[in-house]
N, C-alpha and C. Protein backbone atom coordinates (compact mmCIF):
# COMPACT_ATOMS: atom_id res chain seq x y z
N UNK A 1 0.84 -1.17 0.00
CA UNK A 1 0.00 0.00 0.00
C UNK A 1 0.89 1.24 0.00
N UNK A 2 0.53 2.20 -0.77
CA UNK A 2 1.30 3.43 -0.87
C UNK A 2 0.95 4.38 0.27
N UNK A 3 1.93 5.19 0.65
CA UNK A 3 1.71 6.17 1.72
C UNK A 3 0.63 7.17 1.31
N UNK A 4 0.57 7.47 0.04
CA UNK A 4 -0.44 8.40 -0.47
C UNK A 4 -1.84 7.86 -0.17
N UNK A 5 -2.04 6.56 -0.39
CA UNK A 5 -3.33 5.94 -0.12
C UNK A 5 -3.64 5.93 1.38
N UNK A 6 -2.61 5.72 2.18
CA UNK A 6 -2.80 5.68 3.63
C UNK A 6 -3.18 7.05 4.18
N UNK A 7 -2.65 8.10 3.58
CA UNK A 7 -2.97 9.46 4.05
C UNK A 7 -4.43 9.81 3.80
N UNK A 8 -5.05 9.15 2.82
CA UNK A 8 -6.45 9.42 2.51
C UNK A 8 -7.40 8.77 3.52
N UNK A 9 -6.91 7.77 4.24
CA UNK A 9 -7.74 7.08 5.22
C UNK A 9 -7.90 7.93 6.48
N UNK A 10 -8.99 7.71 7.17
CA UNK A 10 -9.21 8.38 8.44
C UNK A 10 -8.34 7.76 9.52
N UNK A 11 -8.23 8.41 10.65
CA UNK A 11 -7.38 7.94 11.74
C UNK A 11 -7.84 6.58 12.26
N UNK A 12 -9.14 6.40 12.42
CA UNK A 12 -9.66 5.14 12.94
C UNK A 12 -9.46 4.01 11.93
N UNK A 13 -9.70 4.30 10.65
CA UNK A 13 -9.51 3.29 9.62
C UNK A 13 -8.06 2.85 9.55
N UNK A 14 -7.17 3.82 9.66
CA UNK A 14 -5.74 3.53 9.59
C UNK A 14 -5.31 2.65 10.76
N UNK A 15 -5.79 2.98 11.94
CA UNK A 15 -5.45 2.18 13.12
C UNK A 15 -6.00 0.76 13.02
N UNK A 16 -7.23 0.64 12.54
CA UNK A 16 -7.85 -0.67 12.37
C UNK A 16 -7.08 -1.51 11.36
N UNK A 17 -6.72 -0.90 10.25
CA UNK A 17 -5.95 -1.59 9.22
C UNK A 17 -4.60 -2.04 9.75
N UNK A 18 -3.97 -1.19 10.54
CA UNK A 18 -2.67 -1.52 11.12
C UNK A 18 -2.80 -2.71 12.08
N UNK A 19 -3.83 -2.71 12.91
CA UNK A 19 -4.03 -3.83 13.84
C UNK A 19 -4.27 -5.13 13.11
N UNK A 20 -5.11 -5.08 12.07
CA UNK A 20 -5.40 -6.28 11.29
C UNK A 20 -4.13 -6.83 10.63
N UNK A 21 -3.36 -5.95 10.03
CA UNK A 21 -2.14 -6.37 9.35
C UNK A 21 -1.11 -6.90 10.35
N UNK A 22 -1.02 -6.28 11.51
CA UNK A 22 -0.10 -6.76 12.55
C UNK A 22 -0.50 -8.15 13.03
N UNK A 23 -1.79 -8.36 13.21
CA UNK A 23 -2.28 -9.67 13.64
C UNK A 23 -1.99 -10.73 12.58
N UNK A 24 -2.23 -10.38 11.32
CA UNK A 24 -1.98 -11.32 10.23
C UNK A 24 -0.49 -11.65 10.13
N UNK A 25 0.36 -10.66 10.30
CA UNK A 25 1.80 -10.88 10.28
C UNK A 25 2.23 -11.78 11.44
N UNK A 26 1.68 -11.53 12.61
CA UNK A 26 1.99 -12.34 13.77
C UNK A 26 1.59 -13.81 13.55
N UNK A 27 0.41 -14.01 12.99
CA UNK A 27 -0.05 -15.37 12.69
C UNK A 27 0.88 -16.05 11.69
N UNK A 28 1.30 -15.29 10.69
CA UNK A 28 2.18 -15.85 9.68
C UNK A 28 3.55 -16.19 10.28
N UNK A 29 4.04 -15.37 11.18
CA UNK A 29 5.31 -15.65 11.84
C UNK A 29 5.23 -16.93 12.66
N UNK A 30 4.13 -17.09 13.37
CA UNK A 30 3.94 -18.29 14.18
C UNK A 30 3.91 -19.54 13.30
N UNK A 31 3.17 -19.47 12.20
CA UNK A 31 3.13 -20.61 11.28
C UNK A 31 4.50 -20.92 10.72
N UNK A 32 5.23 -19.88 10.36
CA UNK A 32 6.56 -20.05 9.78
C UNK A 32 7.54 -20.68 10.77
N UNK A 33 7.49 -20.23 12.01
CA UNK A 33 8.40 -20.76 13.04
C UNK A 33 8.03 -22.16 13.50
N UNK A 34 6.76 -22.53 13.34
CA UNK A 34 6.36 -23.86 13.78
C UNK A 34 6.67 -24.93 12.73
N UNK A 35 7.20 -24.52 11.61
CA UNK A 35 7.61 -25.47 10.60
C UNK A 35 6.63 -25.62 9.44
N UNK A 36 5.48 -24.99 9.54
CA UNK A 36 4.52 -25.02 8.44
C UNK A 36 5.05 -24.09 7.36
N UNK A 37 5.10 -24.58 6.16
CA UNK A 37 5.64 -23.75 5.09
C UNK A 37 4.67 -22.63 4.76
N UNK A 38 5.22 -21.46 4.62
CA UNK A 38 4.46 -20.28 4.24
C UNK A 38 4.57 -20.18 2.72
N UNK A 39 3.45 -19.89 2.06
CA UNK A 39 3.45 -19.85 0.60
C UNK A 39 4.55 -18.96 0.05
N UNK A 40 4.56 -17.72 0.49
CA UNK A 40 5.55 -16.77 0.01
C UNK A 40 6.10 -15.98 1.20
N UNK A 41 7.26 -16.37 1.69
CA UNK A 41 7.82 -15.66 2.84
C UNK A 41 8.11 -14.19 2.57
N UNK A 42 8.28 -13.84 1.30
CA UNK A 42 8.56 -12.44 0.97
C UNK A 42 7.37 -11.53 1.30
N UNK A 43 6.20 -12.12 1.43
CA UNK A 43 5.01 -11.34 1.79
C UNK A 43 5.17 -10.74 3.18
N UNK A 44 5.85 -11.46 4.07
CA UNK A 44 6.06 -10.96 5.43
C UNK A 44 6.86 -9.66 5.41
N UNK A 45 7.83 -9.56 4.53
CA UNK A 45 8.62 -8.33 4.43
C UNK A 45 7.73 -7.18 3.98
N UNK A 46 6.87 -7.43 3.01
CA UNK A 46 5.96 -6.40 2.54
C UNK A 46 5.01 -5.95 3.63
N UNK A 47 4.56 -6.89 4.44
CA UNK A 47 3.66 -6.55 5.55
C UNK A 47 4.37 -5.66 6.56
N UNK A 48 5.62 -6.01 6.89
CA UNK A 48 6.38 -5.19 7.84
C UNK A 48 6.53 -3.77 7.30
N UNK A 49 6.79 -3.66 6.02
CA UNK A 49 6.96 -2.33 5.42
C UNK A 49 5.66 -1.55 5.41
N UNK A 50 4.55 -2.23 5.13
CA UNK A 50 3.24 -1.56 5.16
C UNK A 50 2.92 -1.05 6.57
N UNK A 51 3.22 -1.86 7.57
CA UNK A 51 2.98 -1.44 8.95
C UNK A 51 3.84 -0.22 9.29
N UNK A 52 5.08 -0.22 8.83
CA UNK A 52 5.97 0.92 9.07
C UNK A 52 5.42 2.17 8.40
N UNK A 53 4.89 2.03 7.19
CA UNK A 53 4.30 3.18 6.49
C UNK A 53 3.11 3.73 7.27
N UNK A 54 2.30 2.82 7.79
CA UNK A 54 1.13 3.25 8.57
C UNK A 54 1.56 4.00 9.83
N UNK A 55 2.58 3.50 10.49
CA UNK A 55 3.07 4.18 11.69
C UNK A 55 3.67 5.54 11.34
N UNK A 56 4.31 5.64 10.20
CA UNK A 56 4.88 6.91 9.76
C UNK A 56 3.78 7.94 9.51
N UNK A 57 2.72 7.52 8.85
CA UNK A 57 1.60 8.43 8.56
C UNK A 57 0.96 8.87 9.87
N UNK A 58 0.80 7.94 10.82
CA UNK A 58 0.24 8.31 12.13
C UNK A 58 1.13 9.32 12.85
N UNK A 59 2.43 9.12 12.79
CA UNK A 59 3.35 10.04 13.44
C UNK A 59 3.31 11.42 12.79
N UNK A 60 3.17 11.45 11.46
CA UNK A 60 3.06 12.73 10.77
C UNK A 60 1.81 13.48 11.24
N UNK A 61 0.73 12.76 11.40
CA UNK A 61 -0.52 13.39 11.84
C UNK A 61 -0.39 13.91 13.26
N UNK A 62 0.26 13.18 14.11
CA UNK A 62 0.43 13.62 15.50
C UNK A 62 1.35 14.82 15.61
N UNK A 63 2.29 14.93 14.69
CA UNK A 63 3.23 16.05 14.72
C UNK A 63 2.57 17.36 14.33
N UNK A 64 1.49 17.26 13.56
CA UNK A 64 0.82 18.50 13.09
C UNK A 64 -0.03 19.12 14.14
């Protein structure tokens, strides 16, 4: 997801999306560590980056 798209979301939507993505990433990490093969491990990297973008947008909003 692009930062531009994230800036268009409301504060509550952004927080909800971040929680959902964090939960999904956590579940994927657990599956990966337990030995279950994850279809595409590179997806986890993308999720971490999306979460970081969301946190950056939230921090920008708080700074204003």
